[in-house]
PDB file of N, CA and C in Angstrom:
ATOM      1  N   MET A   1    -149.726 -68.991 269.955  1.00  0.00           N
ATOM      2  CA  MET A   1    -150.534 -69.391 268.549  1.00  0.00           C
ATOM      3  C   MET A   1    -151.980 -69.419 268.689  1.00  0.00           C
ATOM      4  N   LYS A   2    -152.563 -69.881 270.148  1.00  0.00           N
ATOM      5  CA  LYS A   2    -154.115 -69.808 270.298  1.00  0.00           C
ATOM      6  C   LYS A   2    -154.534 -68.344 270.466  1.00  0.00           C
ATOM      7  N   THR A   3    -153.744 -67.931 271.266  1.00  0.00           N
ATOM      8  CA  THR A   3    -153.799 -66.059 271.892  1.00  0.00           C
ATOM      9  C   THR A   3    -154.334 -65.266 270.078  1.00  0.00           C
ATOM     10  N   LEU A   4    -153.384 -65.213 269.031  1.00  0.00           N
ATOM     11  CA  LEU A   4    -153.103 -64.063 268.308  1.00  0.00           C
ATOM     12  C   LEU A   4    -154.186 -65.476 267.053  1.00  0.00           C
ATOM     13  N   LEU A   5    -155.348 -66.076 267.733  1.00  0.00           N
ATOM     14  CA  LEU A   5    -156.265 -66.767 266.468  1.00  0.00           C
ATOM     15  C   LEU A   5    -156.772 -66.404 267.558  1.00  0.00           C
ATOM     16  N   THR A   6    -157.348 -66.625 268.002  1.00  0.00           N
ATOM     17  CA  THR A   6    -158.285 -65.862 269.263  1.00  0.00           C
ATOM     18  C   THR A   6    -158.605 -64.380 269.176  1.00  0.00           C
ATOM     19  N   MET A   7    -157.524 -63.599 268.582  1.00  0.00           N
ATOM     20  CA  MET A   7    -156.996 -62.400 268.688  1.00  0.00           C
ATOM     21  C   MET A   7    -157.949 -61.664 266.756  1.00  0.00           C
ATOM     22  N   GLY A   8    -157.194 -62.891 266.136  1.00  0.00           N
ATOM     23  CA  GLY A   8    -158.159 -62.746 264.624  1.00  0.00           C
ATOM     24  C   GLY A   8    -159.147 -62.804 264.511  1.00  0.00           C
ATOM     25  N   LYS A   9    -160.367 -63.801 264.926  1.00  0.00           N
ATOM     26  CA  LYS A   9    -161.857 -64.240 265.017  1.00  0.00           C
ATOM     27  C   LYS A   9    -162.493 -62.968 266.179  1.00  0.00           C
ATOM     28  N   VAL A  10    -161.896 -62.734 267.201  1.00  0.00           N
ATOM     29  CA  VAL A  10    -162.449 -61.229 267.318  1.00  0.00           C
ATOM     30  C   VAL A  10    -162.559 -59.815 266.801  1.00  0.00           C
ATOM     31  N   LEU A  11    -161.435 -60.048 265.557  1.00  0.00           N
ATOM     32  CA  LEU A  11    -161.163 -58.487 264.753  1.00  0.00           C
ATOM     33  C   LEU A  11    -162.510 -59.423 263.417  1.00  0.00           C
ATOM     34  N   ALA A  12    -162.353 -60.320 263.099  1.00  0.00           N
ATOM     35  CA  ALA A  12    -163.335 -60.894 262.572  1.00  0.00           C
ATOM     36  C   ALA A  12    -164.744 -60.387 262.228  1.00  0.00           C
ATOM     37  N   LEU A  13    -165.116 -61.035 263.969  1.00  0.00           N
ATOM     38  CA  LEU A  13    -166.501 -60.529 264.093  1.00  0.00           C
ATOM     39  C   LEU A  13    -167.032 -59.066 264.195  1.00  0.00           C
ATOM     40  N   ALA A  14    -165.912 -58.025 264.806  1.00  0.00           N
ATOM     41  CA  ALA A  14    -166.126 -57.126 264.959  1.00  0.00           C
ATOM     42  C   ALA A  14    -165.838 -56.486 263.447  1.00  0.00           C
ATOM     43  N   PHE A  15    -165.623 -56.784 262.576  1.00  0.00           N
ATOM     44  CA  PHE A  15    -165.848 -56.705 261.179  1.00  0.00           C
ATOM     45  C   PHE A  15    -166.955 -56.794 260.582  1.00  0.00           C
ATOM     46  N   TRP A  16    -167.655 -57.584 260.799  1.00  0.00           N
ATOM     47  CA  TRP A  16    -168.906 -58.139 260.804  1.00  0.00           C
ATOM     48  C   TRP A  16    -170.008 -57.481 261.163  1.00  0.00           C
ATOM     49  N   LEU A  17    -169.549 -57.056 262.308  1.00  0.00           N
ATOM     50  CA  LEU A  17    -170.656 -55.872 263.103  1.00  0.00           C
ATOM     51  C   LEU A  17    -170.627 -54.882 262.509  1.00  0.00           C
ATOM     52  N   VAL A  18    -169.370 -54.325 262.187  1.00  0.00           N
ATOM     53  CA  VAL A  18    -169.510 -53.058 261.566  1.00  0.00           C
ATOM     54  C   VAL A  18    -169.834 -53.344 260.007  1.00  0.00           C
ATOM     55  N   PHE A  19    -170.246 -53.946 259.870  1.00  0.00           N
ATOM     56  CA  PHE A  19    -171.245 -54.651 258.164  1.00  0.00           C
ATOM     57  C   PHE A  19    -172.520 -54.615 258.596  1.00  0.00           C
ATOM     58  N   GLY A  20    -172.737 -55.239 259.867  1.00  0.00           N
ATOM     59  CA  GLY A  20    -174.147 -55.621 259.739  1.00  0.00           C
ATOM     60  C   GLY A  20    -175.022 -53.545 260.346  1.00  0.00           C
ATOM     61  N   ALA A  21    -173.858 -52.553 260.694  1.00  0.00           N
ATOM     62  CA  ALA A  21    -173.471 -51.274 261.429  1.00  0.00           C
ATOM     63  C   ALA A  21    -174.235 -51.017 260.112  1.00  0.00           C
ATOM     64  N   ALA A  22    -173.537 -50.905 258.752  1.00  0.00           N
ATOM     65  CA  ALA A  22    -173.568 -50.563 257.903  1.00  0.00           C
ATOM     66  C   ALA A  22    -174.362 -50.443 256.520  1.00  0.00           C
ATOM     67  N   LEU A  23    -175.368 -51.944 256.896  1.00  0.00           N
ATOM     68  CA  LEU A  23    -176.618 -52.354 256.802  1.00  0.00           C
ATOM     69  C   LEU A  23    -177.548 -51.277 256.831  1.00  0.00           C
ATOM     70  N   ALA A  24    -177.570 -51.533 258.341  1.00  0.00           N
ATOM     71  CA  ALA A  24    -178.839 -50.800 258.869  1.00  0.00           C
ATOM     72  C   ALA A  24    -178.355 -49.326 258.584  1.00  0.00           C
ATOM     73  N   LYS A  25    -177.950 -48.845 258.168  1.00  0.00           N
ATOM     74  CA  LYS A  25    -177.260 -47.394 257.689  1.00  0.00           C
ATOM     75  C   LYS A  25    -176.726 -46.408 258.472  1.00  0.00           C
ATOM     76  N   ARG A  26    -175.805 -47.093 258.781  1.00  0.00           N
ATOM     77  CA  ARG A  26    -175.299 -46.406 260.696  1.00  0.00           C
ATOM     78  C   ARG A  26    -174.146 -45.401 260.288  1.00  0.00           C
ATOM     79  N   PHE A  27    -173.255 -45.642 258.648  1.00  0.00           N
ATOM     80  CA  PHE A  27    -172.319 -44.759 258.603  1.00  0.00           C
ATOM     81  C   PHE A  27    -173.110 -43.804 257.048  1.00  0.00           C
ATOM     82  N   GLY A  28    -172.025 -42.651 256.891  1.00  0.00           N
ATOM     83  CA  GLY A  28    -171.768 -42.127 255.420  1.00  0.00           C
ATOM     84  C   GLY A  28    -172.156 -42.356 254.503  1.00  0.00           C
ATOM     85  N   THR A  29    -172.611 -42.178 253.790  1.00  0.00           N
ATOM     86  CA  THR A  29    -172.319 -42.697 251.979  1.00  0.00           C
ATOM     87  C   THR A  29    -171.180 -43.857 252.035  1.00  0.00           C
ATOM     88  N   PRO A  30    -169.751 -42.689 251.833  1.00  0.00           N
ATOM     89  CA  PRO A  30    -168.577 -43.174 251.378  1.00  0.00           C
ATOM     90  C   PRO A  30    -167.809 -44.021 252.167  1.00  0.00           C
ATOM     91  N   PHE A  31    -168.174 -44.466 253.612  1.00  0.00           N
ATOM     92  CA  PHE A  31    -167.763 -45.465 254.339  1.00  0.00           C
ATOM     93  C   PHE A  31    -168.750 -46.719 253.962  1.00  0.00           C
ATOM     94  N   GLU A  32    -170.315 -46.466 253.923  1.00  0.00           N
ATOM     95  CA  GLU A  32    -170.915 -47.478 253.367  1.00  0.00           C
ATOM     96  C   GLU A  32    -170.944 -48.652 252.420  1.00  0.00           C
ATOM     97  N   GLN A  33    -169.703 -47.683 251.735  1.00  0.00           N
ATOM     98  CA  GLN A  33    -169.853 -48.178 249.690  1.00  0.00           C
ATOM     99  C   GLN A  33    -168.422 -49.203 250.632  1.00  0.00           C
ATOM    100  N   LEU A  34    -167.468 -48.513 251.410  1.00  0.00           N
ATOM    101  CA  LEU A  34    -165.930 -49.212 251.914  1.00  0.00           C
ATOM    102  C   LEU A  34    -166.429 -50.872 252.308  1.00  0.00           C
ATOM    103  N   VAL A  35    -166.759 -50.999 253.192  1.00  0.00           N
ATOM    104  CA  VAL A  35    -167.274 -51.824 254.098  1.00  0.00           C
ATOM    105  C   VAL A  35    -168.054 -52.537 252.974  1.00  0.00           C
ATOM    106  N   TYR A  36    -168.820 -52.226 252.246  1.00  0.00           N
ATOM    107  CA  TYR A  36    -169.664 -53.352 251.603  1.00  0.00           C
ATOM    108  C   TYR A  36    -168.712 -54.388 250.663  1.00  0.00           C
ATOM    109  N   VAL A  37    -167.952 -53.138 249.730  1.00  0.00           N
ATOM    110  CA  VAL A  37    -166.681 -53.630 249.354  1.00  0.00           C
ATOM    111  C   VAL A  37    -165.409 -54.753 249.396  1.00  0.00           C
ATOM    112  N   LEU A  38    -165.801 -53.796 251.018  1.00  0.00           N
ATOM    113  CA  LEU A  38    -164.234 -54.882 251.507  1.00  0.00           C
ATOM    114  C   LEU A  38    -165.037 -56.458 252.031  1.00  0.00           C
ATOM    115  N   ALA A  39    -166.754 -56.233 252.497  1.00  0.00           N
ATOM    116  CA  ALA A  39    -167.729 -57.557 252.542  1.00  0.00           C
ATOM    117  C   ALA A  39    -167.993 -58.258 252.053  1.00  0.00           C
ATOM    118  N   ALA A  40    -167.857 -58.077 250.695  1.00  0.00           N
ATOM    119  CA  ALA A  40    -168.032 -59.299 249.475  1.00  0.00           C
ATOM    120  C   ALA A  40    -166.829 -59.640 249.093  1.00  0.00           C
ATOM    121  N   PHE A  41    -165.388 -58.571 249.105  1.00  0.00           N
ATOM    122  CA  PHE A  41    -164.288 -59.246 248.740  1.00  0.00           C
ATOM    123  C   PHE A  41    -164.086 -60.613 250.078  1.00  0.00           C
ATOM    124  N   LEU A  42    -164.000 -59.534 251.526  1.00  0.00           N
ATOM    125  CA  LEU A  42    -163.743 -61.361 252.567  1.00  0.00           C
ATOM    126  C   LEU A  42    -165.167 -61.838 252.096  1.00  0.00           C
ATOM    127  N   ALA A  43    -165.755 -61.932 251.705  1.00  0.00           N
ATOM    128  CA  ALA A  43    -167.266 -63.508 251.824  1.00  0.00           C
ATOM    129  C   ALA A  43    -166.454 -63.553 250.917  1.00  0.00           C
ATOM    130  N   LEU A  44    -166.038 -63.722 249.477  1.00  0.00           N
ATOM    131  CA  LEU A  44    -165.750 -64.094 248.445  1.00  0.00           C
ATOM    132  C   LEU A  44    -163.836 -64.935 248.564  1.00  0.00           C
ATOM    133  N   LEU A  45    -163.313 -64.286 249.813  1.00  0.00           N
ATOM    134  CA  LEU A  45    -161.816 -65.210 249.953  1.00  0.00           C
ATOM    135  C   LEU A  45    -162.501 -66.441 250.965  1.00  0.00           C
ATOM    136  N   HIS A  46    -163.541 -66.146 252.008  1.00  0.00           N
ATOM    137  CA  HIS A  46    -163.858 -67.330 252.519  1.00  0.00           C
ATOM    138  C   HIS A  46    -164.597 -68.357 252.103  1.00  0.00           C
ATOM    139  N   GLY A  47    -165.535 -68.243 251.359  1.00  0.00           N
ATOM    140  CA  GLY A  47    -165.775 -69.125 249.927  1.00  0.00           C
ATOM    141  C   GLY A  47    -164.941 -69.940 249.128  1.00  0.00           C
ATOM    142  N   VAL A  48    -164.217 -68.773 248.842  1.00  0.00           N
ATOM    143  CA  VAL A  48    -162.278 -70.039 248.105  1.00  0.00           C
ATOM    144  C   VAL A  48    -161.651 -70.972 249.387  1.00  0.00           C
ATOM    145  N   GLN A  49    -161.927 -70.418 249.898  1.00  0.00           N
ATOM    146  CA  GLN A  49    -161.897 -71.467 251.753  1.00  0.00           C
ATOM    147  C   GLN A  49    -162.029 -72.600 251.832  1.00  0.00           C
ATOM    148  N   LEU A  50    -163.738 -72.330 251.887  1.00  0.00           N
ATOM    149  CA  LEU A  50    -164.709 -73.613 252.194  1.00  0.00           C
ATOM    150  C   LEU A  50    -164.341 -73.941 250.860  1.00  0.00           C
ATOM    151  N   TRP A  51    -164.373 -73.771 249.846  1.00  0.00           N
ATOM    152  CA  TRP A  51    -164.093 -74.702 248.574  1.00  0.00           C
ATOM    153  C   TRP A  51    -162.943 -75.563 248.670  1.00  0.00           C
ATOM    154  N   LEU A  52    -162.140 -74.988 249.185  1.00  0.00           N
ATOM    155  CA  LEU A  52    -160.151 -75.671 249.024  1.00  0.00           C
ATOM    156  C   LEU A  52    -160.152 -76.284 250.089  1.00  0.00           C
ATOM    157  N   PHE A  53    -160.903 -75.627 251.149  1.00  0.00           N
ATOM    158  CA  PHE A  53    -160.650 -77.260 252.764  1.00  0.00           C
ATOM    159  C   PHE A  53    -162.247 -78.074 252.908  1.00  0.00           C
ATOM    160  N   SER A  54    -162.411 -78.426 252.015  1.00  0.00           N
ATOM    161  CA  SER A  54    -164.047 -79.267 251.919  1.00  0.00           C
ATOM    162  C   SER A  54    -163.886 -80.367 252.342  1.00  0.00           C
ATOM    163  N   ASP A  55    -163.029 -81.060 251.881  1.00  0.00           N
ATOM    164  CA  ASP A  55    -162.231 -82.413 252.379  1.00  0.00           C
ATOM    165  C   ASP A  55    -162.205 -81.731 253.613  1.00  0.00           C
ATOM    166  N   LEU A  56    -161.510 -81.560 254.061  1.00  0.00           N
ATOM    167  CA  LEU A  56    -161.658 -81.313 255.574  1.00  0.00           C
ATOM    168  C   LEU A  56    -162.565 -81.259 256.568  1.00  0.00           C
ATOM    169  N   LEU A  57    -163.311 -80.549 256.324  1.00  0.00           N
ATOM    170  CA  LEU A  57    -164.560 -80.247 256.665  1.00  0.00           C
ATOM    171  C   LEU A  57    -165.655 -81.406 256.965  1.00  0.00           C
ATOM    172  N   SER A  58    -165.630 -82.432 255.509  1.00  0.00           N
ATOM    173  CA  SER A  58    -166.316 -83.162 255.669  1.00  0.00           C
ATOM    174  C   SER A  58    -166.842 -84.433 256.586  1.00  0.00           C
ATOM    175  N   GLY A  59    -165.514 -84.145 257.569  1.00  0.00           N
ATOM    176  CA  GLY A  59    -165.036 -85.360 258.173  1.00  0.00           C
ATOM    177  C   GLY A  59    -165.407 -85.067 259.957  1.00  0.00           C
ATOM    178  N   ARG A  60    -165.514 -83.599 259.735  1.00  0.00           N
ATOM    179  CA  ARG A  60    -166.062 -83.345 260.931  1.00  0.00           C
ATOM    180  C   ARG A  60    -167.139 -83.892 261.739  1.00  0.00           C
ATOM    181  N   ALA A  61    -167.160 -83.589 263.090  1.00  0.00           N
ATOM    182  CA  ALA A  61    -168.294 -84.298 263.614  1.00  0.00           C
ATOM    183  C   ALA A  61    -169.537 -83.026 263.107  1.00  0.00           C
ATOM    184  N   SER A  62    -169.906 -82.149 263.198  1.00  0.00           N
ATOM    185  CA  SER A  62    -170.641 -80.489 263.137  1.00  0.00           C
ATOM    186  C   SER A  62    -170.335 -79.999 261.943  1.00  0.00           C
ATOM    187  N   PRO A  63    -170.027 -80.744 260.366  1.00  0.00           N
ATOM    188  CA  PRO A  63    -169.437 -80.077 259.101  1.00  0.00           C
ATOM    189  C   PRO A  63    -169.829 -78.210 258.842  1.00  0.00           C
ATOM    190  N   TRP A  64    -171.978 -78.700 258.912  1.00  0.00           N
ATOM    191  CA  TRP A  64    -172.654 -77.174 259.041  1.00  0.00           C
ATOM    192  C   TRP A  64    -171.727 -76.190 259.878  1.00  0.00           C
ATOM    193  N   LEU A  65    -171.991 -76.450 261.079  1.00  0.00           N
ATOM    194  CA  LEU A  65    -170.888 -75.398 261.897  1.00  0.00           C
ATOM    195  C   LEU A  65    -169.661 -75.011 261.488  1.00  0.00           C
ATOM    196  N   ASP A  66    -168.969 -76.162 261.211  1.00  0.00           N
ATOM    197  CA  ASP A  66    -167.214 -75.501 261.175  1.00  0.00           C
ATOM    198  C   ASP A  66    -167.866 -74.728 260.067  1.00  0.00           C
ATOM    199  N   ARG A  67    -168.380 -75.378 258.204  1.00  0.00           N
ATOM    200  CA  ARG A  67    -168.718 -74.481 257.605  1.00  0.00           C
ATOM    201  C   ARG A  67    -168.634 -72.563 257.889  1.00  0.00           C
ATOM    202  N   LEU A  68    -170.771 -72.462 258.551  1.00  0.00           N
ATOM    203  CA  LEU A  68    -170.782 -71.461 258.613  1.00  0.00           C
ATOM    204  C   LEU A  68    -169.358 -70.515 259.788  1.00  0.00           C
ATOM    205  N   GLN A  69    -168.434 -71.307 260.301  1.00  0.00           N
ATOM    206  CA  GLN A  69    -167.206 -70.723 261.275  1.00  0.00           C
ATOM    207  C   GLN A  69    -165.994 -70.673 260.063  1.00  0.00           C
ATOM    208  N   VAL A  70    -165.914 -71.289 259.023  1.00  0.00           N
ATOM    209  CA  VAL A  70    -164.912 -70.256 258.256  1.00  0.00           C
ATOM    210  C   VAL A  70    -165.793 -69.256 257.189  1.00  0.00           C
ATOM    211  N   LEU A  71    -166.987 -69.038 257.188  1.00  0.00           N
ATOM    212  CA  LEU A  71    -166.892 -68.116 256.215  1.00  0.00           C
ATOM    213  C   LEU A  71    -167.079 -66.965 257.016  1.00  0.00           C
ATOM    214  N   LEU A  72    -167.808 -66.835 258.711  1.00  0.00           N
ATOM    215  CA  LEU A  72    -167.681 -65.979 259.765  1.00  0.00           C
ATOM    216  C   LEU A  72    -166.016 -65.609 259.745  1.00  0.00           C
ATOM    217  N   PHE A  73    -164.961 -66.387 260.310  1.00  0.00           N
ATOM    218  CA  PHE A  73    -163.685 -65.732 260.598  1.00  0.00           C
ATOM    219  C   PHE A  73    -162.265 -66.465 259.692  1.00  0.00           C
ATOM    220  N   GLY A  74    -163.008 -67.184 258.671  1.00  0.00           N
ATOM    221  CA  GLY A  74    -161.535 -67.443 257.563  1.00  0.00           C
ATOM    222  C   GLY A  74    -161.198 -68.675 258.193  1.00  0.00           C
ATOM    223  N   ILE A  75    -159.617 -68.535 257.399  1.00  0.00           N
ATOM    224  CA  ILE A  75    -158.466 -68.983 258.678  1.00  0.00           C
ATOM    225  C   ILE A  75    -158.305 -69.402 259.950  1.00  0.00           C
ATOM    226  N   PHE A  76    -158.664 -67.994 260.318  1.00  0.00           N
ATOM    227  CA  PHE A  76    -158.686 -68.353 261.952  1.00  0.00           C
ATOM    228  C   PHE A  76    -159.550 -69.755 262.519  1.00  0.00           C
ATOM    229  N   HIS A  77    -160.555 -69.589 261.919  1.00  0.00           N
ATOM    230  CA  HIS A  77    -161.116 -71.255 262.098  1.00  0.00           C
ATOM    231  C   HIS A  77    -160.396 -73.080 261.633  1.00  0.00           C
ATOM    232  N   LEU A  78    -159.712 -72.452 260.591  1.00  0.00           N
ATOM    233  CA  LEU A  78    -159.436 -73.687 259.427  1.00  0.00           C
ATOM    234  C   LEU A  78    -157.395 -73.972 260.084  1.00  0.00           C
ATOM    235  N   TYR A  79    -157.054 -72.747 260.526  1.00  0.00           N
ATOM    236  CA  TYR A  79    -155.801 -73.281 260.931  1.00  0.00           C
ATOM    237  C   TYR A  79    -155.723 -74.663 262.042  1.00  0.00           C
ATOM    238  N   PRO A  80    -156.714 -74.504 262.898  1.00  0.00           N
ATOM    239  CA  PRO A  80    -156.831 -75.427 264.113  1.00  0.00           C
ATOM    240  C   PRO A  80    -156.696 -76.892 263.852  1.00  0.00           C
ATOM    241  N   LEU A  81    -158.262 -76.270 262.674  1.00  0.00           N
ATOM    242  CA  LEU A  81    -158.175 -77.551 262.203  1.00  0.00           C
ATOM    243  C   LEU A  81    -157.158 -78.681 260.991  1.00  0.00           C
ATOM    244  N   LYS A  82    -156.884 -77.281 260.313  1.00  0.00           N
ATOM    245  CA  LYS A  82    -155.523 -78.613 259.512  1.00  0.00           C
ATOM    246  C   LYS A  82    -154.882 -79.058 260.783  1.00  0.00           C
ATOM    247  N   VAL A  83    -154.003 -78.299 261.775  1.00  0.00           N
ATOM    248  CA  VAL A  83    -153.146 -79.041 262.248  1.00  0.00           C
ATOM    249  C   VAL A  83    -153.563 -80.589 262.926  1.00  0.00           C
ATOM    250  N   GLU A  84    -154.683 -80.313 263.625  1.00  0.00           N
ATOM    251  CA  GLU A  84    -154.869 -80.900 264.515  1.00  0.00           C
ATOM    252  C   GLU A  84    -155.505 -82.810 262.886  1.00  0.00           C
ATOM    253  N   HIS A  85    -155.688 -82.419 261.870  1.00  0.00           N
ATOM    254  CA  HIS A  85    -155.730 -83.069 260.684  1.00  0.00           C
ATOM    255  C   HIS A  85    -154.638 -84.039 260.752  1.00  0.00           C
ATOM    256  N   LYS A  86    -153.700 -83.127 260.652  1.00  0.00           N
ATOM    257  CA  LYS A  86    -151.906 -83.344 260.210  1.00  0.00           C
ATOM    258  C   LYS A  86    -151.906 -84.017 261.001  1.00  0.00           C
ATOM    259  N   SER A  87    -152.124 -83.895 262.433  1.00  0.00           N
ATOM    260  CA  SER A  87    -151.231 -84.548 263.663  1.00  0.00           C
ATOM    261  C   SER A  87    -151.878 -86.516 263.676  1.00  0.00           C
ATOM    262  N   GLU A  88    -153.181 -85.624 263.047  1.00  0.00           N
ATOM    263  CA  GLU A  88    -154.384 -87.441 263.083  1.00  0.00           C
ATOM    264  C   GLU A  88    -153.718 -88.363 262.168  1.00  0.00           C
ATOM    265  N   CYS A  89    -153.242 -87.630 261.055  1.00  0.00           N
ATOM    266  CA  CYS A  89    -152.337 -87.984 259.949  1.00  0.00           C
ATOM    267  C   CYS A  89    -151.471 -88.750 259.921  1.00  0.00           C
ATOM    268  N   MET A  90    -150.376 -88.279 260.728  1.00  0.00           N
ATOM    269  CA  MET A  90    -148.870 -88.645 261.211  1.00  0.00           C
ATOM    270  C   MET A  90    -149.812 -90.057 262.652  1.00  0.00           C
ATOM    271  N   ALA A  91    -150.040 -89.927 262.668  1.00  0.00           N
ATOM    272  CA  ALA A  91    -150.268 -90.475 263.629  1.00  0.00           C
ATOM    273  C   ALA A  91    -150.814 -91.926 263.254  1.00  0.00           C
ATOM    274  N   ALA A  92    -152.335 -91.882 262.409  1.00  0.00           N
ATOM    275  CA  ALA A  92    -152.313 -93.243 261.656  1.00  0.00           C
ATOM    276  C   ALA A  92    -150.890 -93.967 260.952  1.00  0.00           C
ATOM    277  N   ALA A  93    -150.593 -93.036 259.938  1.00  0.00           N
ATOM    278  CA  ALA A  93    -149.382 -93.332 259.613  1.00  0.00           C
ATOM    279  C   ALA A  93    -148.270 -94.185 259.740  1.00  0.00           C
ATOM    280  N   PHE A  94    -147.770 -93.552 261.280  1.00  0.00           N
ATOM    281  CA  PHE A  94    -147.009 -94.365 263.112  1.00  0.00           C
ATOM    282  C   PHE A  94    -148.085 -95.642 262.811  1.00  0.00           C
ATOM    283  N   GLU A  95    -148.838 -95.860 263.047  1.00  0.00           N
ATOM    284  CA  GLU A  95    -149.240 -96.735 263.593  1.00  0.00           C
ATOM    285  C   GLU A  95    -149.571 -97.605 262.215  1.00  0.00           C
ATOM    286  N   GLU A  96    -149.416 -97.308 261.738  1.00  0.00           N
ATOM    287  CA  GLU A  96    -150.138 -98.817 260.225  1.00  0.00           C
ATOM    288  C   GLU A  96    -148.250 -98.651 259.921  1.00  0.00           C
ATOM    289  N   ALA A  97    -147.203 -97.743 260.527  1.00  0.00           N
ATOM    290  CA  ALA A  97    -146.175 -98.230 259.944  1.00  0.00           C
ATOM    291  C   ALA A  97    -145.627 -99.689 260.933  1.00  0.00           C
ATOM    292  N   THR A  98    -146.121 -99.276 262.446  1.00  0.00           N
ATOM    293  CA  THR A  98    -145.424-100.236 262.847  1.00  0.00           C
ATOM    294  C   THR A  98    -146.224-101.825 263.199  1.00  0.00           C
ATOM    295  N   HIS A  99    -147.617-101.852 262.428  1.00  0.00           N
ATOM    296  CA  HIS A  99    -148.247-103.125 262.012  1.00  0.00           C
ATOM    297  C   HIS A  99    -147.547-103.385 260.811  1.00  0.00           C
ATOM    298  N   ALA A 100    -146.548-102.973 260.165  1.00  0.00           N
ATOM    299  CA  ALA A 100    -146.091-103.329 258.580  1.00  0.00           C
ATOM    300  C   ALA A 100    -144.329-104.160 259.058  1.00  0.00           C
TER     301      ALA A 100
END
């Protein structure tokens, strides 16, 4: 699973590099416009993910770095955080149950 998440991050970074090249006018007009539309859609999608998972990110050690990574990588950065948060919640619930 970790390999799949790393590969997703690499592919997302490659897309943002292609977007940077499109901003520098390295491609032709139809391809450039397609990259702009895809980048706008991806930025909107990652913004929605950031909004939906804001509670998860607010308790982290460096929430602004995590927010930046969510904007760049989306679910490929959120998935390990969600699994980690879920295991912490289950451990806390187990500890609370043992004290009762």
